[in-house]
Protein backbone atom coordinates (compact mmCIF):
# COMPACT_ATOMS: atom_id res chain seq x y z
CA MET A 1 222.95 252.45 99.32
CA PRO A 2 222.82 248.63 98.41
CA LEU A 3 221.58 247.98 94.93
CA PHE A 4 218.75 245.55 96.26
CA ASP A 5 216.33 246.05 99.19
CA THR A 6 217.17 243.00 100.84
CA ARG A 7 214.41 243.62 103.62
CA VAL A 8 211.87 242.88 101.05
CA PRO A 9 211.60 239.12 100.44
CA ALA A 10 210.30 237.27 97.29
CA VAL A 11 207.62 234.73 97.21
CA LEU A 12 207.63 232.30 94.05
CA LEU A 13 204.10 230.93 93.24
CA ARG A 14 203.44 227.72 91.13
CA THR A 15 200.75 225.35 91.25
CA ASP A 16 202.02 223.12 88.28
CA ARG A 17 203.64 220.20 89.79
CA ASN A 18 206.35 219.71 87.09
CA PRO A 19 208.97 218.49 89.31
CA PHE A 20 211.61 219.61 86.72
CA HIS A 21 210.45 223.29 86.34
CA HIS A 22 214.23 224.88 86.00
CA GLY A 23 212.91 228.55 85.46
CA THR A 24 211.97 228.15 89.22
CA LEU A 25 215.66 227.20 90.23
CA GLY A 26 216.70 230.36 88.25
CA ALA A 27 214.57 232.78 90.01
CA VAL A 28 215.69 231.08 93.43
CA ARG A 29 219.18 231.56 92.59
CA SER A 30 218.94 234.77 90.90
CA LEU A 31 217.39 236.59 93.78
CA GLY A 32 219.03 234.51 96.19
CA ARG A 33 222.35 235.50 95.06
CA ALA A 34 221.39 239.09 95.44
CA GLY A 35 220.78 238.81 99.12
CA VAL A 36 217.11 238.53 98.71
CA ASP A 37 214.85 235.85 101.10
CA VAL A 38 213.18 233.66 98.35
CA HIS A 39 210.20 231.81 99.56
CA VAL A 40 208.95 228.95 97.18
CA VAL A 41 205.13 228.23 97.10
CA ALA A 42 205.48 225.07 94.80
CA ASP A 43 205.35 221.21 95.05
CA CYS A 44 208.79 220.33 95.45
CA SER A 45 208.99 217.20 97.15
CA ARG A 46 210.45 215.66 94.32
CA SER A 47 212.38 218.39 92.73
CA PRO A 48 215.97 219.33 92.94
CA VAL A 49 214.61 223.18 93.61
CA ARG A 50 214.48 222.03 96.99
CA ALA A 51 218.14 221.39 97.47
CA SER A 52 219.37 224.87 96.42
CA ARG A 53 221.17 226.91 99.39
CA TYR A 54 219.21 229.89 98.31
CA VAL A 55 215.63 228.75 99.23
CA SER A 56 214.62 230.45 102.43
CA GLY A 57 211.47 228.45 102.98
CA LEU A 58 209.05 225.98 101.29
CA HIS A 59 205.31 226.50 101.29
CA THR A 60 202.53 224.00 100.27
CA PRO A 61 200.88 225.40 97.23
CA PRO A 62 197.28 224.97 96.47
CA PRO A 63 196.51 221.82 94.08
CA PRO A 64 196.64 222.15 90.31
CA GLY A 65 193.28 223.39 89.16
CA ALA A 66 192.46 225.42 92.58
CA SER A 67 190.25 228.24 92.65
CA SER A 68 191.22 232.01 92.85
CA ASP A 69 189.94 231.63 96.50
CA ASP A 70 191.99 228.86 97.36
CA ILE A 71 195.14 230.44 96.10
CA ALA A 72 194.35 233.71 97.75
CA ALA A 73 193.95 231.85 100.93
CA ALA A 74 197.33 230.14 100.72
CA LEU A 75 198.85 233.19 99.70
CA ARG A 76 197.61 234.75 103.05
CA ARG A 77 198.93 231.81 105.05
CA VAL A 78 202.46 232.43 103.39
CA ALA A 79 202.09 236.29 104.06
CA ALA A 80 201.42 235.49 107.80
CA ARG A 81 204.59 233.32 108.09
CA VAL A 82 206.95 235.94 106.08
CA ALA A 83 205.70 238.63 108.10
CA ARG A 84 206.64 241.15 105.70
CA PRO A 85 205.61 242.72 102.30
CA ALA A 86 206.86 240.75 99.59
CA VAL A 87 207.62 240.69 95.84
CA LEU A 88 205.14 237.97 94.56
CA ILE A 89 206.24 236.23 91.18
CA PRO A 90 203.88 233.66 89.64
CA MET A 91 205.65 231.27 87.78
CA ASP A 92 203.11 229.39 85.75
CA ASP A 93 200.25 230.98 83.58
CA ALA A 94 197.32 229.54 85.80
CA CYS A 95 198.94 231.49 88.72
CA ALA A 96 199.79 234.69 86.89
CA VAL A 97 196.04 234.81 85.73
CA ALA A 98 194.79 234.25 89.29
CA VAL A 99 197.02 236.62 90.90
CA ALA A 100 196.11 239.25 88.61
CA ARG A 101 192.63 238.92 88.97
CA MET A 102 193.08 239.26 92.82
CA ARG A 103 195.69 242.13 92.59
CA ALA A 104 193.49 244.54 94.94
CA GLU A 105 192.99 241.83 97.71
CA LEU A 106 196.59 240.97 97.51
CA ALA A 107 198.18 244.30 97.28
CA PRO A 108 198.45 244.70 101.30
CA VAL A 109 200.83 242.13 101.55
CA TYR A 110 202.52 241.36 98.37
CA LEU A 111 204.07 244.10 95.62
CA LEU A 112 202.78 243.58 92.20
CA PRO A 113 203.05 245.43 89.05
CA GLU A 114 200.23 247.92 88.23
CA LEU A 115 198.29 245.74 85.68
CA PRO A 116 194.79 245.37 84.41
CA GLY A 117 193.21 242.29 86.29
CA ALA A 118 191.81 241.07 82.80
CA LEU A 119 194.79 241.87 80.58
CA SER A 120 197.13 238.55 81.78
CA GLU A 121 194.00 236.35 81.24
CA ARG A 122 193.15 237.81 77.69
CA VAL A 123 196.86 237.15 76.33
CA ALA A 124 197.60 233.77 78.26
CA ASP A 125 194.27 232.43 76.29
CA LYS A 126 195.31 231.15 73.23
CA ALA A 127 192.13 232.07 71.39
CA GLU A 128 191.96 235.42 72.81
CA LEU A 129 195.65 236.19 71.77
CA ALA A 130 194.68 235.57 68.06
CA GLY A 131 192.12 238.43 68.75
CA VAL A 132 194.61 240.58 70.22
CA CYS A 133 196.86 240.23 67.29
CA ALA A 134 194.02 240.85 64.67
CA SER A 135 193.51 243.98 66.84
CA LEU A 136 196.78 245.31 66.49
CA ASP A 137 197.36 244.12 63.09
CA LEU A 138 200.38 241.72 64.41
CA PRO A 139 201.49 238.48 62.32
CA HIS A 140 199.68 235.50 63.72
CA PRO A 141 198.89 232.17 62.45
CA GLU A 142 195.26 232.22 60.75
CA THR A 143 193.04 230.63 63.87
CA LEU A 144 190.01 229.12 64.00
CA VAL A 145 187.71 228.30 67.13
CA PRO A 146 185.03 225.61 66.13
CA GLU A 147 181.82 224.84 67.85
CA GLY A 148 181.13 221.37 66.93
CA GLU A 149 182.62 218.27 65.34
CA ALA A 150 181.56 218.84 62.01
CA GLU A 151 182.85 222.63 62.37
CA ALA A 152 186.21 221.08 63.54
CA ALA A 153 186.41 218.98 60.29
CA ARG A 154 185.59 221.98 58.09
CA ALA A 155 187.97 224.19 59.78
CA ALA A 156 190.82 221.77 59.41
CA TRP A 157 190.04 221.60 55.50
CA ARG A 158 189.67 225.26 55.27
CA LEU A 159 193.28 226.06 57.03
CA GLY A 160 195.00 223.21 55.02
CA LEU A 161 196.23 220.15 56.71
CA PRO A 162 198.28 219.43 58.74
CA VAL A 163 196.80 222.29 61.24
CA VAL A 164 198.18 222.60 64.85
CA ALA A 165 195.47 221.95 67.45
CA LYS A 166 195.67 223.90 70.86
CA TRP A 167 193.75 224.23 73.90
CA SER A 168 193.08 227.91 74.64
CA ARG A 169 193.82 227.63 78.48
CA PRO A 170 196.55 224.57 78.78
CA TRP A 171 196.83 225.29 82.55
CA LEU A 172 193.26 223.66 82.55
CA LEU A 173 194.34 220.04 81.10
CA PRO A 174 193.51 217.26 83.60
CA PRO A 175 196.98 215.56 84.94
CA GLY A 176 197.24 212.19 83.32
CA GLY A 177 194.24 212.65 80.94
CA GLY A 178 196.59 212.08 77.92
CA LEU A 179 195.71 215.58 76.50
CA ARG A 180 198.63 217.58 75.47
CA SER A 181 198.27 221.39 74.95
CA THR A 182 199.24 221.59 71.52
CA VAL A 183 199.08 218.63 68.82
CA LEU A 184 199.52 218.37 65.01
CA VAL A 185 196.42 217.31 63.51
CA ARG A 186 196.73 215.33 60.17
CA SER A 187 193.13 214.70 59.16
CA ALA A 188 189.57 216.11 59.62
CA GLN A 189 188.78 213.23 61.56
CA GLU A 190 191.47 213.77 63.97
CA ALA A 191 190.12 217.14 64.61
CA ARG A 192 186.68 215.62 65.20
CA GLU A 193 187.90 213.67 67.76
CA LEU A 194 189.92 215.94 69.52
CA TYR A 195 186.81 218.31 69.51
CA ARG A 196 184.83 215.56 71.52
CA ARG A 197 187.43 215.96 74.42
CA ALA A 198 186.69 219.95 74.78
CA GLU A 199 184.56 219.41 78.06
CA GLU A 200 187.40 217.27 79.51
CA ALA A 201 189.89 219.68 78.57
CA GLY A 202 188.14 222.42 80.36
CA SER A 203 188.59 225.20 77.52
CA ARG A 204 187.88 225.90 74.03
CA LEU A 205 189.88 223.86 71.18
CA LEU A 206 191.38 226.00 68.42
CA LEU A 207 192.78 225.13 65.09
CA GLN A 208 195.71 227.13 63.61
CA ALA A 209 197.48 227.29 60.30
CA PHE A 210 200.75 225.37 60.43
CA LEU A 211 203.90 227.28 60.19
CA ALA A 212 206.60 224.42 59.49
CA PRO A 213 209.57 224.81 61.64
CA GLY A 214 213.10 225.19 60.28
CA PRO A 215 216.61 226.48 61.04
CA ASP A 216 216.32 230.17 62.30
CA ARG A 217 212.54 229.89 62.58
CA ASP A 218 211.66 229.61 66.34
CA TRP A 219 212.35 232.70 68.33
CA PHE A 220 211.78 234.25 71.70
CA PHE A 221 211.58 237.39 73.68
CA HIS A 222 212.06 237.65 77.58
CA GLY A 223 211.50 241.16 79.01
CA TYR A 224 210.27 243.34 81.80
CA ALA A 225 207.85 246.11 81.31
CA ASP A 226 208.40 248.83 84.22
CA ARG A 227 206.17 251.23 85.93
CA SER A 228 206.50 253.29 82.70
CA GLY A 229 206.03 250.67 80.38
CA THR A 230 209.41 250.59 79.04
CA VAL A 231 210.71 247.23 78.57
CA ARG A 232 213.91 246.61 80.44
CA ALA A 233 216.36 243.71 80.88
CA GLY A 234 215.65 240.52 78.58
CA GLY A 235 216.02 240.44 74.98
CA PRO A 236 215.50 238.19 71.57
CA GLY A 237 216.85 234.47 71.64
CA ARG A 238 216.52 232.00 69.14
CA LYS A 239 215.43 228.41 70.08
CA THR A 240 217.99 226.05 68.58
CA ARG A 241 216.89 222.92 70.10
CA ALA A 242 213.61 221.93 71.41
CA ARG A 243 211.86 219.28 73.31
CA PRO A 244 209.64 217.83 71.65
CA ARG A 245 211.52 218.55 68.50
CA GLY A 246 210.16 221.37 66.61
CA ALA A 247 207.77 222.42 69.39
CA GLY A 248 207.63 222.79 72.92
CA LEU A 249 210.03 224.07 75.71
CA THR A 250 213.70 225.35 74.75
CA ALA A 251 216.36 222.78 75.42
CA VAL A 252 219.27 225.03 73.84
CA GLY A 253 218.62 228.77 73.45
CA ARG A 254 220.93 231.17 72.37
CA TRP A 255 220.92 234.99 72.89
CA THR A 256 220.65 236.61 69.23
CA PRO A 257 220.11 240.22 68.27
CA ASN A 258 216.93 240.52 66.33
CA PRO A 259 215.72 244.04 65.80
CA ARG A 260 212.41 242.81 64.20
CA VAL A 261 211.48 240.72 67.28
CA GLN A 262 212.72 243.37 69.77
CA ALA A 263 210.67 245.82 67.84
CA LEU A 264 207.46 243.68 67.74
CA ALA A 265 207.95 242.83 71.57
CA GLU A 266 208.03 246.51 72.59
CA ARG A 267 205.16 247.08 70.22
CA VAL A 268 202.60 244.47 71.46
CA THR A 269 203.58 245.28 75.24
CA GLY A 270 203.18 249.04 74.59
CA GLU A 271 200.04 249.32 72.83
CA LEU A 272 198.39 246.63 75.51
CA GLY A 273 199.80 248.76 78.12
CA TYR A 274 201.49 245.58 79.81
CA ARG A 275 203.21 245.81 83.01
CA GLY A 276 205.44 243.10 84.53
CA ILE A 277 207.53 240.09 83.35
CA PHE A 278 206.58 238.47 79.76
CA ASP A 279 207.81 235.65 77.67
CA LEU A 280 206.61 235.80 74.11
CA ASP A 281 207.14 232.94 71.40
CA PHE A 282 207.53 233.82 67.67
CA ARG A 283 207.95 231.39 64.59
CA ARG A 284 209.20 233.02 61.30
CA CYS A 285 207.32 231.94 57.95
CA GLY A 286 209.48 230.30 55.71
CA SER A 287 207.68 231.88 52.43
CA THR A 288 207.00 235.70 53.76
CA GLY A 289 209.91 235.84 56.28
CA ARG A 290 207.30 237.52 59.03
CA TYR A 291 207.69 236.87 62.49
CA HIS A 292 204.37 235.48 63.91
CA LEU A 293 203.53 235.72 67.57
CA LEU A 294 202.52 232.33 68.72
CA ASP A 295 202.15 232.71 72.79
CA PHE A 296 202.24 235.43 75.15
CA ASN A 297 203.01 234.13 78.67
CA PRO A 298 202.51 236.82 81.48
CA ARG A 299 205.36 235.57 83.53
CA PRO A 300 209.02 234.48 83.51
CA GLY A 301 209.93 231.98 80.88
CA ALA A 302 212.14 229.02 81.97
CA GLN A 303 215.13 229.99 80.26
CA PHE A 304 214.77 233.79 81.55
CA ARG A 305 218.17 233.45 82.94
CA LEU A 306 219.74 233.21 79.32
CA PHE A 307 219.15 237.21 79.26
CA THR A 308 221.82 238.12 82.32
CA ASP A 309 223.54 241.09 81.31
CA THR A 310 226.93 242.35 81.88
CA ALA A 311 225.30 243.99 85.16
CA GLY A 312 223.75 240.95 86.26
CA LEU A 313 220.27 242.11 85.75
CA ASP A 314 217.51 239.62 84.53
CA VAL A 315 213.92 239.91 84.26
CA VAL A 316 213.16 238.69 87.98
CA ARG A 317 215.79 241.04 89.35
CA ALA A 318 214.43 243.79 87.32
CA LEU A 319 210.89 243.17 88.81
CA HIS A 320 212.07 243.30 92.77
CA LEU A 321 214.12 246.56 91.74
CA ASP A 322 211.39 248.06 90.15
CA LEU A 323 208.76 247.61 92.48
CA THR A 324 210.99 248.41 95.60
CA HIS A 325 211.93 251.59 93.81
CA ARG A 326 215.42 250.97 93.42
CA ALA A 327 217.14 252.06 90.06
CA LEU A 328 218.18 249.18 87.74
CA PRO A 329 221.70 249.09 86.83
CA GLU A 330 222.79 250.06 83.11
CA GLY A 331 224.43 246.79 81.71
CA ALA A 332 225.32 245.59 78.04
CA PRO A 333 223.63 242.51 76.34
CA ARG A 334 225.84 239.30 76.05
CA PRO A 335 224.99 238.20 72.70
CA GLY A 336 226.13 234.68 71.88
CA ARG A 337 225.29 233.40 75.30
CA THR A 338 223.52 230.30 75.40
CA PHE A 339 221.04 228.33 77.76
CA VAL A 340 221.25 224.74 78.06
CA VAL A 341 218.84 222.22 79.95
CA GLU A 342 221.01 219.17 80.82
CA ASN A 343 218.40 216.83 81.21
CA TYR A 344 216.92 217.36 77.63
CA ALA A 345 220.45 218.35 76.20
CA PRO A 346 223.19 216.63 77.77
CA LEU A 347 225.77 216.87 74.91
CA SER A 348 225.05 220.61 74.26
CA ALA A 349 226.08 221.04 78.03
CA LEU A 350 229.81 219.45 77.17
CA ARG A 351 230.36 221.52 74.28
CA PRO A 352 232.50 224.43 74.54
CA ALA A 353 230.81 227.92 74.87
CA PRO A 354 233.09 230.71 74.12
CA ASP A 355 230.25 233.55 74.39
CA GLY A 356 229.47 231.81 78.00
CA ARG A 357 226.60 229.62 79.16
CA GLU A 358 223.93 228.99 81.58
CA LEU A 359 222.89 225.88 82.72
CA ALA A 360 219.57 225.05 84.10
CA TRP A 361 220.37 222.97 86.95
CA HIS A 362 224.31 222.89 87.51
CA ALA A 363 225.99 225.99 89.08
CA PRO A 364 229.28 226.14 90.90
CA ASP A 365 228.02 228.15 93.97
CA ASP A 366 224.97 226.06 94.16
CA ARG A 367 225.83 222.27 93.38
CA ALA A 368 223.15 220.24 95.40
CA PRO A 369 220.49 220.96 92.77
CA GLY A 370 222.52 219.71 89.84
CA ARG A 371 223.52 216.37 91.88
CA ALA A 372 220.05 215.98 92.77
CA LEU A 373 218.85 216.07 89.22
CA TRP A 374 220.25 213.02 87.82
CA ALA A 375 219.09 210.53 90.81
CA LEU A 376 215.50 212.40 90.07
CA TRP A 377 215.55 212.39 86.36
CA GLY A 378 216.93 208.80 86.25
CA ARG A 379 213.72 207.68 88.23
CA HIS A 380 211.22 209.88 86.26
CA ALA A 381 212.69 208.34 82.99
CA SER A 382 212.67 204.67 84.17
CA GLY A 383 209.12 205.28 85.50
CA ARG A 384 207.86 206.57 82.42
CA LEU A 385 209.21 203.77 80.23
CA LEU A 386 207.68 201.24 82.84
CA ASP A 387 204.59 202.94 82.27
CA ARG A 388 204.61 202.40 78.36
CA VAL A 389 205.81 198.92 78.69
CA ARG A 390 202.60 198.10 80.93
CA ARG A 391 200.01 200.14 78.47
CA ARG A 392 201.56 197.87 75.62
CA GLU A 393 201.16 194.84 77.53
CA ARG A 394 197.55 195.78 78.47
CA ARG A 395 196.52 196.27 74.71
CA PRO A 396 194.61 193.47 73.05
CA ALA A 397 196.64 191.25 70.67
CA ALA A 398 196.03 192.34 67.20
CA GLY A 399 194.08 190.12 64.68
CA PRO A 400 195.53 189.48 61.06
CA ALA A 401 196.07 192.44 59.01
CA PRO A 402 193.26 193.40 56.84
CA ALA A 403 193.92 193.12 53.08
CA ALA A 404 194.99 196.73 51.84
CA ARG A 405 192.54 198.42 49.42
CA VAL A 406 192.67 201.64 47.67
CA VAL A 407 190.23 204.45 48.65
CA ARG A 408 189.84 207.62 46.85
CA GLN A 409 190.60 210.81 48.97
CA ALA A 410 187.16 212.56 49.80
CA PRO A 411 186.82 216.38 48.57
CA ALA A 412 187.45 219.08 50.95
CA PRO A 413 184.12 220.36 52.38
CA GLY A 414 182.76 223.76 50.95
CA PRO A 415 184.28 226.97 51.96
CA THR A 416 183.61 228.72 55.13
CA GLY A 417 183.48 232.77 55.69
CA ARG A 418 186.66 234.57 56.33
CA THR A 419 185.63 236.02 59.74
CA GLY A 420 188.15 233.86 61.97
CA ARG A 421 185.08 231.45 62.64
CA SER A 422 183.99 228.71 60.43
CA ASP A 423 180.17 229.20 58.98
CA ARG A 424 178.55 227.24 61.69
CA PRO A 425 180.45 225.95 65.00
CA ASP A 426 183.13 227.96 66.22
CA ASP A 427 186.77 226.43 66.14
CA GLU A 428 188.24 225.28 69.31
CA ARG A 429 192.19 225.58 69.75
CA ALA A 430 194.74 223.52 71.55
CA GLY A 431 197.56 225.30 73.53
CA SER A 432 201.35 225.39 72.29
CA ARG A 433 203.21 225.56 75.06
């Protein structure tokens, strides 16, 4: 019997319009190379993904911010065209949350892990994750959720500036509004101003104690929790370069054994009863050495192909095999292997990699996406540069600089309670990924 049941196609779902979402291409290639038909429900009009030889079909996605009903309607249309039950793989948090909510409705035409509908939403929400970590006694940065501007200012003082501000549901941020999922706040006034935009952001703001970045401090874990809850495939990795620096997505990552990170990942998924693909982000505290869980993404991470073992197994393949009741091959880890996103770290893509390397875009058996990347990326980068120039030109001319004067730093406001909330309003957080 062949390893994969190639009668069962895969459907990748993403409403995020990022044309340079290399994780989508990784999933297309991983399953396509195994002989599985791969259908992509995403906006690929300006993406290198559409050029892949392994794409069996492109389908129009619901728009960003679409309701669960709209996503369900789109998936039913795709199911009618595919005309066979398919493994459904959400590729962003918004879709992972929506699909988990609609599992019962989608089950007749899609294969999905047995996961409680509220769990994906609970772990993806940055504010809820803080509560999850507290209930499981897992290390997590102290987090406050303010309920007003003054409370946001007091929370910033209490945590100790600078603080990290996150939106609890970053997938709800409006495109083009200038709001980022995570920012570093350096004053109480900045915390106030950010709180004023909570309605625009669509979710709560949270403020979080800042754990300083540094060498060997940023880690991630990708895995697949099978039908029994056992974590298969994946492994721990170290983020050696990020975009933006010190935060954000992995531009260069390395498969690095870390028993402590592995144990934390297996513990949190096991105690929650999680099933399916997951991507966790950790930061090691420089003073205590403890690994703090920062993010729990209930879907494949963009660099999941880093963790391809000697049997060719990765988390996306593990999902397809498990849901089609096929045995997962037993392969050995490949520590030292690296993953490089060429448009973010071009020099790293050219350096020798004695332990093996996976490039996000370029592949010998699928060259078209790599060629398409540079033309599309050039237009993207030049367009952003032009936008910056135009914004500067529209700014009013600055008047003469005021004379400098010395002011005394105001004392911090009075202390607040130790319950995770400030004395009055709740703290709002901003997402970190």
